[in-house]
Amino acid sequence: MGARLADARFTLEKVACLGCCSLAPVMTIDEDTHGRLDPARASAIVDAVRSRATIGEISDALRSVWGSYRPGR
């Protein structure tokens, strides 16, 4: 069982493998995989998804924070 965030839009689940070792640590949101995460990057992605941003907009926002970004798939 995962932990549901206060807004009930996201559930956190720990899994053994997402098949993305070269991008670790990673998270998936719906069908999208995001890699090479740290707490700030993960938070920025969740905030962008909360605001219903597109993957392109998420990538642009992350580039402005920490340089080049290529979501893993």
PDB file of N, CA and C in Angstrom:
ATOM      1  N   MET A   1       0.835  -1.180   0.000  1.00  0.00           N
ATOM      2  CA  MET A   1       0.000   0.000   0.000  1.00  0.00           C
ATOM      3  C   MET A   1       0.873   1.234   0.000  1.00  0.00           C
ATOM      4  N   GLY A   2       0.472   2.206  -0.793  1.00  0.00           N
ATOM      5  CA  GLY A   2       1.218   3.444  -0.862  1.00  0.00           C
ATOM      6  C   GLY A   2       0.644   4.498   0.063  1.00  0.00           C
ATOM      7  N   ALA A   3       1.387   5.559   0.241  1.00  0.00           N
ATOM      8  CA  ALA A   3       0.935   6.684   1.050  1.00  0.00           C
ATOM      9  C   ALA A   3       0.310   7.718   0.131  1.00  0.00           C
ATOM     10  N   ARG A   4      -0.897   8.119   0.423  1.00  0.00           N
ATOM     11  CA  ARG A   4      -1.591   9.107  -0.399  1.00  0.00           C
ATOM     12  C   ARG A   4      -1.250  10.499   0.119  1.00  0.00           C
ATOM     13  N   LEU A   5      -0.911  11.416  -0.804  1.00  0.00           N
ATOM     14  CA  LEU A   5      -0.619  12.790  -0.412  1.00  0.00           C
ATOM     15  C   LEU A   5      -1.898  13.493   0.022  1.00  0.00           C
ATOM     16  N   ALA A   6      -1.757  14.585   0.731  1.00  0.00           N
ATOM     17  CA  ALA A   6      -2.897  15.285   1.322  1.00  0.00           C
ATOM     18  C   ALA A   6      -3.943  15.699   0.293  1.00  0.00           C
ATOM     19  N   ASP A   7      -3.519  16.046  -0.921  1.00  0.00           N
ATOM     20  CA  ASP A   7      -4.497  16.481  -1.923  1.00  0.00           C
ATOM     21  C   ASP A   7      -5.199  15.300  -2.602  1.00  0.00           C
ATOM     22  N   ALA A   8      -4.806  14.074  -2.264  1.00  0.00           N
ATOM     23  CA  ALA A   8      -5.405  12.833  -2.776  1.00  0.00           C
ATOM     24  C   ALA A   8      -5.245  12.652  -4.280  1.00  0.00           C
ATOM     25  N   ARG A   9      -4.366  13.415  -4.907  1.00  0.00           N
ATOM     26  CA  ARG A   9      -4.134  13.250  -6.343  1.00  0.00           C
ATOM     27  C   ARG A   9      -2.963  12.329  -6.629  1.00  0.00           C
ATOM     28  N   PHE A  10      -2.107  12.099  -5.639  1.00  0.00           N
ATOM     29  CA  PHE A  10      -0.919  11.285  -5.835  1.00  0.00           C
ATOM     30  C   PHE A  10      -0.811  10.244  -4.734  1.00  0.00           C
ATOM     31  N   THR A  11      -0.318   9.086  -5.105  1.00  0.00           N
ATOM     32  CA  THR A  11      -0.018   8.048  -4.137  1.00  0.00           C
ATOM     33  C   THR A  11       1.435   7.667  -4.314  1.00  0.00           C
ATOM     34  N   LEU A  12       2.174   7.612  -3.222  1.00  0.00           N
ATOM     35  CA  LEU A  12       3.574   7.216  -3.261  1.00  0.00           C
ATOM     36  C   LEU A  12       3.669   5.730  -2.984  1.00  0.00           C
ATOM     37  N   GLU A  13       4.373   5.014  -3.847  1.00  0.00           N
ATOM     38  CA  GLU A  13       4.588   3.593  -3.653  1.00  0.00           C
ATOM     39  C   GLU A  13       6.052   3.279  -3.884  1.00  0.00           C
ATOM     40  N   LYS A  14       6.638   2.511  -2.996  1.00  0.00           N
ATOM     41  CA  LYS A  14       7.996   2.033  -3.160  1.00  0.00           C
ATOM     42  C   LYS A  14       7.936   0.740  -3.965  1.00  0.00           C
ATOM     43  N   VAL A  15       8.723   0.673  -5.035  1.00  0.00           N
ATOM     44  CA  VAL A  15       8.761  -0.538  -5.858  1.00  0.00           C
ATOM     45  C   VAL A  15      10.204  -1.006  -5.982  1.00  0.00           C
ATOM     46  N   ALA A  16      10.377  -2.283  -6.238  1.00  0.00           N
ATOM     47  CA  ALA A  16      11.726  -2.845  -6.347  1.00  0.00           C
ATOM     48  C   ALA A  16      12.406  -2.436  -7.648  1.00  0.00           C
ATOM     49  N   CYS A  17      11.636  -2.334  -8.739  1.00  0.00           N
ATOM     50  CA  CYS A  17      12.270  -2.066 -10.022  1.00  0.00           C
ATOM     51  C   CYS A  17      11.282  -1.429 -10.992  1.00  0.00           C
ATOM     52  N   LEU A  18      11.751  -0.378 -11.666  1.00  0.00           N
ATOM     53  CA  LEU A  18      10.992   0.223 -12.758  1.00  0.00           C
ATOM     54  C   LEU A  18      11.698  -0.019 -14.092  1.00  0.00           C
ATOM     55  N   GLY A  19      12.812  -0.756 -14.052  1.00  0.00           N
ATOM     56  CA  GLY A  19      13.552  -1.051 -15.267  1.00  0.00           C
ATOM     57  C   GLY A  19      14.327   0.132 -15.812  1.00  0.00           C
ATOM     58  N   CYS A  20      14.736   1.032 -14.933  1.00  0.00           N
ATOM     59  CA  CYS A  20      15.422   2.258 -15.353  1.00  0.00           C
ATOM     60  C   CYS A  20      16.684   2.504 -14.535  1.00  0.00           C
ATOM     61  N   CYS A  21      17.468   1.475 -14.307  1.00  0.00           N
ATOM     62  CA  CYS A  21      18.643   1.608 -13.438  1.00  0.00           C
ATOM     63  C   CYS A  21      19.570   2.742 -13.858  1.00  0.00           C
ATOM     64  N   SER A  22      19.723   2.944 -15.159  1.00  0.00           N
ATOM     65  CA  SER A  22      20.645   3.974 -15.635  1.00  0.00           C
ATOM     66  C   SER A  22      20.126   5.379 -15.365  1.00  0.00           C
ATOM     67  N   LEU A  23      18.859   5.525 -15.012  1.00  0.00           N
ATOM     68  CA  LEU A  23      18.274   6.830 -14.713  1.00  0.00           C
ATOM     69  C   LEU A  23      18.004   7.035 -13.221  1.00  0.00           C
ATOM     70  N   ALA A  24      18.352   6.063 -12.410  1.00  0.00           N
ATOM     71  CA  ALA A  24      17.992   6.079 -10.991  1.00  0.00           C
ATOM     72  C   ALA A  24      18.545   7.310 -10.272  1.00  0.00           C
ATOM     73  N   PRO A  25      17.813   7.791  -9.284  1.00  0.00           N
ATOM     74  CA  PRO A  25      16.480   7.361  -8.880  1.00  0.00           C
ATOM     75  C   PRO A  25      15.420   7.897  -9.840  1.00  0.00           C
ATOM     76  N   VAL A  26      14.336   7.147  -9.979  1.00  0.00           N
ATOM     77  CA  VAL A  26      13.277   7.495 -10.931  1.00  0.00           C
ATOM     78  C   VAL A  26      11.909   7.486 -10.259  1.00  0.00           C
ATOM     79  N   MET A  27      10.953   8.126 -10.942  1.00  0.00           N
ATOM     80  CA  MET A  27       9.550   8.028 -10.552  1.00  0.00           C
ATOM     81  C   MET A  27       8.731   8.011 -11.820  1.00  0.00           C
ATOM     82  N   THR A  28       7.562   7.414 -11.741  1.00  0.00           N
ATOM     83  CA  THR A  28       6.637   7.463 -12.859  1.00  0.00           C
ATOM     84  C   THR A  28       5.365   8.160 -12.401  1.00  0.00           C
ATOM     85  N   ILE A  29       4.824   8.940 -13.302  1.00  0.00           N
ATOM     86  CA  ILE A  29       3.528   9.577 -13.097  1.00  0.00           C
ATOM     87  C   ILE A  29       2.725   9.259 -14.336  1.00  0.00           C
ATOM     88  N   ASP A  30       1.653   8.520 -14.139  1.00  0.00           N
ATOM     89  CA  ASP A  30       0.853   8.003 -15.246  1.00  0.00           C
ATOM     90  C   ASP A  30       1.767   7.200 -16.167  1.00  0.00           C
ATOM     91  N   GLU A  31       1.936   7.599 -17.400  1.00  0.00           N
ATOM     92  CA  GLU A  31       2.759   6.854 -18.357  1.00  0.00           C
ATOM     93  C   GLU A  31       4.174   7.415 -18.492  1.00  0.00           C
ATOM     94  N   ASP A  32       4.500   8.474 -17.771  1.00  0.00           N
ATOM     95  CA  ASP A  32       5.776   9.169 -17.942  1.00  0.00           C
ATOM     96  C   ASP A  32       6.773   8.808 -16.851  1.00  0.00           C
ATOM     97  N   THR A  33       8.006   8.511 -17.267  1.00  0.00           N
ATOM     98  CA  THR A  33       9.091   8.183 -16.349  1.00  0.00           C
ATOM     99  C   THR A  33      10.031   9.376 -16.272  1.00  0.00           C
ATOM    100  N   HIS A  34      10.411   9.746 -15.058  1.00  0.00           N
ATOM    101  CA  HIS A  34      11.326  10.868 -14.830  1.00  0.00           C
ATOM    102  C   HIS A  34      12.504  10.340 -14.033  1.00  0.00           C
ATOM    103  N   GLY A  35      13.711  10.609 -14.506  1.00  0.00           N
ATOM    104  CA  GLY A  35      14.891  10.048 -13.869  1.00  0.00           C
ATOM    105  C   GLY A  35      15.894  11.071 -13.397  1.00  0.00           C
ATOM    106  N   ARG A  36      16.960  10.521 -12.764  1.00  0.00           N
ATOM    107  CA  ARG A  36      18.044  11.314 -12.186  1.00  0.00           C
ATOM    108  C   ARG A  36      17.489  12.365 -11.225  1.00  0.00           C
ATOM    109  N   LEU A  37      16.647  11.900 -10.319  1.00  0.00           N
ATOM    110  CA  LEU A  37      15.917  12.786  -9.426  1.00  0.00           C
ATOM    111  C   LEU A  37      16.658  13.068  -8.130  1.00  0.00           C
ATOM    112  N   ASP A  38      16.368  14.215  -7.586  1.00  0.00           N
ATOM    113  CA  ASP A  38      16.695  14.548  -6.207  1.00  0.00           C
ATOM    114  C   ASP A  38      15.405  15.151  -5.649  1.00  0.00           C
ATOM    115  N   PRO A  39      15.331  15.455  -4.375  1.00  0.00           N
ATOM    116  CA  PRO A  39      14.070  15.950  -3.822  1.00  0.00           C
ATOM    117  C   PRO A  39      13.521  17.195  -4.531  1.00  0.00           C
ATOM    118  N   ALA A  40      14.387  18.125  -4.898  1.00  0.00           N
ATOM    119  CA  ALA A  40      13.926  19.351  -5.563  1.00  0.00           C
ATOM    120  C   ALA A  40      13.349  19.051  -6.945  1.00  0.00           C
ATOM    121  N   ARG A  41      14.003  18.168  -7.688  1.00  0.00           N
ATOM    122  CA  ARG A  41      13.519  17.812  -9.023  1.00  0.00           C
ATOM    123  C   ARG A  41      12.188  17.074  -8.937  1.00  0.00           C
ATOM    124  N   ALA A  42      12.089  16.132  -8.019  1.00  0.00           N
ATOM    125  CA  ALA A  42      10.843  15.387  -7.866  1.00  0.00           C
ATOM    126  C   ALA A  42       9.702  16.329  -7.487  1.00  0.00           C
ATOM    127  N   SER A  43       9.963  17.253  -6.588  1.00  0.00           N
ATOM    128  CA  SER A  43       8.957  18.219  -6.169  1.00  0.00           C
ATOM    129  C   SER A  43       8.530  19.112  -7.330  1.00  0.00           C
ATOM    130  N   ALA A  44       9.488  19.561  -8.151  1.00  0.00           N
ATOM    131  CA  ALA A  44       9.171  20.407  -9.310  1.00  0.00           C
ATOM    132  C   ALA A  44       8.277  19.668 -10.302  1.00  0.00           C
ATOM    133  N   ILE A  45       8.536  18.381 -10.512  1.00  0.00           N
ATOM    134  CA  ILE A  45       7.717  17.593 -11.431  1.00  0.00           C
ATOM    135  C   ILE A  45       6.310  17.436 -10.883  1.00  0.00           C
ATOM    136  N   VAL A  46       6.193  17.087  -9.606  1.00  0.00           N
ATOM    137  CA  VAL A  46       4.864  16.924  -9.000  1.00  0.00           C
ATOM    138  C   VAL A  46       4.095  18.243  -9.058  1.00  0.00           C
ATOM    139  N   ASP A  47       4.758  19.356  -8.764  1.00  0.00           N
ATOM    140  CA  ASP A  47       4.096  20.662  -8.832  1.00  0.00           C
ATOM    141  C   ASP A  47       3.605  20.956 -10.249  1.00  0.00           C
ATOM    142  N   ALA A  48       4.423  20.631 -11.254  1.00  0.00           N
ATOM    143  CA  ALA A  48       4.030  20.863 -12.645  1.00  0.00           C
ATOM    144  C   ALA A  48       2.845  19.982 -13.034  1.00  0.00           C
ATOM    145  N   VAL A  49       2.851  18.733 -12.600  1.00  0.00           N
ATOM    146  CA  VAL A  49       1.740  17.838 -12.910  1.00  0.00           C
ATOM    147  C   VAL A  49       0.471  18.309 -12.198  1.00  0.00           C
ATOM    148  N   ARG A  50       0.607  18.777 -10.974  1.00  0.00           N
ATOM    149  CA  ARG A  50      -0.550  19.309 -10.243  1.00  0.00           C
ATOM    150  C   ARG A  50      -1.209  20.447 -11.013  1.00  0.00           C
ATOM    151  N   SER A  51      -0.391  21.255 -11.671  1.00  0.00           N
ATOM    152  CA  SER A  51      -0.930  22.395 -12.415  1.00  0.00           C
ATOM    153  C   SER A  51      -1.359  21.995 -13.823  1.00  0.00           C
ATOM    154  N   ARG A  52      -1.326  20.663 -14.107  1.00  0.00           N
ATOM    155  CA  ARG A  52      -1.744  20.111 -15.394  1.00  0.00           C
ATOM    156  C   ARG A  52      -0.858  20.582 -16.548  1.00  0.00           C
ATOM    157  N   ALA A  53       0.409  20.784 -16.260  1.00  0.00           N
ATOM    158  CA  ALA A  53       1.350  21.168 -17.304  1.00  0.00           C
ATOM    159  C   ALA A  53       1.593  19.982 -18.238  1.00  0.00           C
ATOM    160  N   THR A  54       1.951  20.288 -19.482  1.00  0.00           N
ATOM    161  CA  THR A  54       2.309  19.234 -20.422  1.00  0.00           C
ATOM    162  C   THR A  54       3.733  18.781 -20.134  1.00  0.00           C
ATOM    163  N   ILE A  55       4.114  17.629 -20.690  1.00  0.00           N
ATOM    164  CA  ILE A  55       5.478  17.145 -20.506  1.00  0.00           C
ATOM    165  C   ILE A  55       6.476  18.180 -21.037  1.00  0.00           C
ATOM    166  N   GLY A  56       6.174  18.809 -22.145  1.00  0.00           N
ATOM    167  CA  GLY A  56       7.047  19.858 -22.681  1.00  0.00           C
ATOM    168  C   GLY A  56       7.211  21.015 -21.714  1.00  0.00           C
ATOM    169  N   GLU A  57       6.111  21.425 -21.092  1.00  0.00           N
ATOM    170  CA  GLU A  57       6.165  22.510 -20.113  1.00  0.00           C
ATOM    171  C   GLU A  57       6.937  22.087 -18.871  1.00  0.00           C
ATOM    172  N   ILE A  58       6.760  20.827 -18.456  1.00  0.00           N
ATOM    173  CA  ILE A  58       7.522  20.318 -17.316  1.00  0.00           C
ATOM    174  C   ILE A  58       9.011  20.350 -17.647  1.00  0.00           C
ATOM    175  N   SER A  59       9.366  19.873 -18.840  1.00  0.00           N
ATOM    176  CA  SER A  59      10.768  19.868 -19.257  1.00  0.00           C
ATOM    177  C   SER A  59      11.332  21.284 -19.280  1.00  0.00           C
ATOM    178  N   ASP A  60      10.559  22.233 -19.814  1.00  0.00           N
ATOM    179  CA  ASP A  60      11.012  23.627 -19.859  1.00  0.00           C
ATOM    180  C   ASP A  60      11.229  24.185 -18.464  1.00  0.00           C
ATOM    181  N   ALA A  61      10.301  23.887 -17.549  1.00  0.00           N
ATOM    182  CA  ALA A  61      10.431  24.380 -16.178  1.00  0.00           C
ATOM    183  C   ALA A  61      11.671  23.796 -15.511  1.00  0.00           C
ATOM    184  N   LEU A  62      11.915  22.511 -15.735  1.00  0.00           N
ATOM    185  CA  LEU A  62      13.081  21.883 -15.115  1.00  0.00           C
ATOM    186  C   LEU A  62      14.374  22.387 -15.730  1.00  0.00           C
ATOM    187  N   ARG A  63      14.385  22.632 -17.036  1.00  0.00           N
ATOM    188  CA  ARG A  63      15.586  23.199 -17.675  1.00  0.00           C
ATOM    189  C   ARG A  63      15.950  24.536 -17.039  1.00  0.00           C
ATOM    190  N   SER A  64      14.941  25.336 -16.736  1.00  0.00           N
ATOM    191  CA  SER A  64      15.212  26.646 -16.148  1.00  0.00           C
ATOM    192  C   SER A  64      15.796  26.511 -14.740  1.00  0.00           C
ATOM    193  N   VAL A  65      15.502  25.405 -14.063  1.00  0.00           N
ATOM    194  CA  VAL A  65      16.009  25.189 -12.711  1.00  0.00           C
ATOM    195  C   VAL A  65      17.398  24.570 -12.725  1.00  0.00           C
ATOM    196  N   TRP A  66      17.624  23.546 -13.583  1.00  0.00           N
ATOM    197  CA  TRP A  66      18.908  22.836 -13.510  1.00  0.00           C
ATOM    198  C   TRP A  66      19.453  22.351 -14.834  1.00  0.00           C
ATOM    199  N   GLY A  67      19.293  23.142 -15.886  1.00  0.00           N
ATOM    200  CA  GLY A  67      19.937  22.792 -17.157  1.00  0.00           C
ATOM    201  C   GLY A  67      19.146  21.809 -17.986  1.00  0.00           C
ATOM    202  N   SER A  68      19.845  21.052 -18.805  1.00  0.00           N
ATOM    203  CA  SER A  68      19.173  20.164 -19.760  1.00  0.00           C
ATOM    204  C   SER A  68      18.395  19.063 -19.058  1.00  0.00           C
ATOM    205  N   TYR A  69      17.267  18.731 -19.648  1.00  0.00           N
ATOM    206  CA  TYR A  69      16.412  17.695 -19.091  1.00  0.00           C
ATOM    207  C   TYR A  69      15.815  16.878 -20.240  1.00  0.00           C
ATOM    208  N   ARG A  70      15.939  15.576 -20.131  1.00  0.00           N
ATOM    209  CA  ARG A  70      15.330  14.671 -21.104  1.00  0.00           C
ATOM    210  C   ARG A  70      14.596  13.605 -20.334  1.00  0.00           C
ATOM    211  N   PRO A  71      13.243  13.674 -20.338  1.00  0.00           N
ATOM    212  CA  PRO A  71      12.521  12.652 -19.585  1.00  0.00           C
ATOM    213  C   PRO A  71      12.823  11.273 -20.129  1.00  0.00           C
ATOM    214  N   GLY A  72      13.095  10.315 -19.250  1.00  0.00           N
ATOM    215  CA  GLY A  72      13.342   8.939 -19.679  1.00  0.00           C
ATOM    216  C   GLY A  72      12.047   8.264 -20.033  1.00  0.00           C
ATOM    217  N   ARG A  73      12.118   7.405 -21.009  1.00  0.00           N
ATOM    218  CA  ARG A  73      10.924   6.630 -21.400  1.00  0.00           C
ATOM    219  C   ARG A  73      11.321   5.220 -21.598  1.00  0.00           C
TER     220      ARG A  73
END
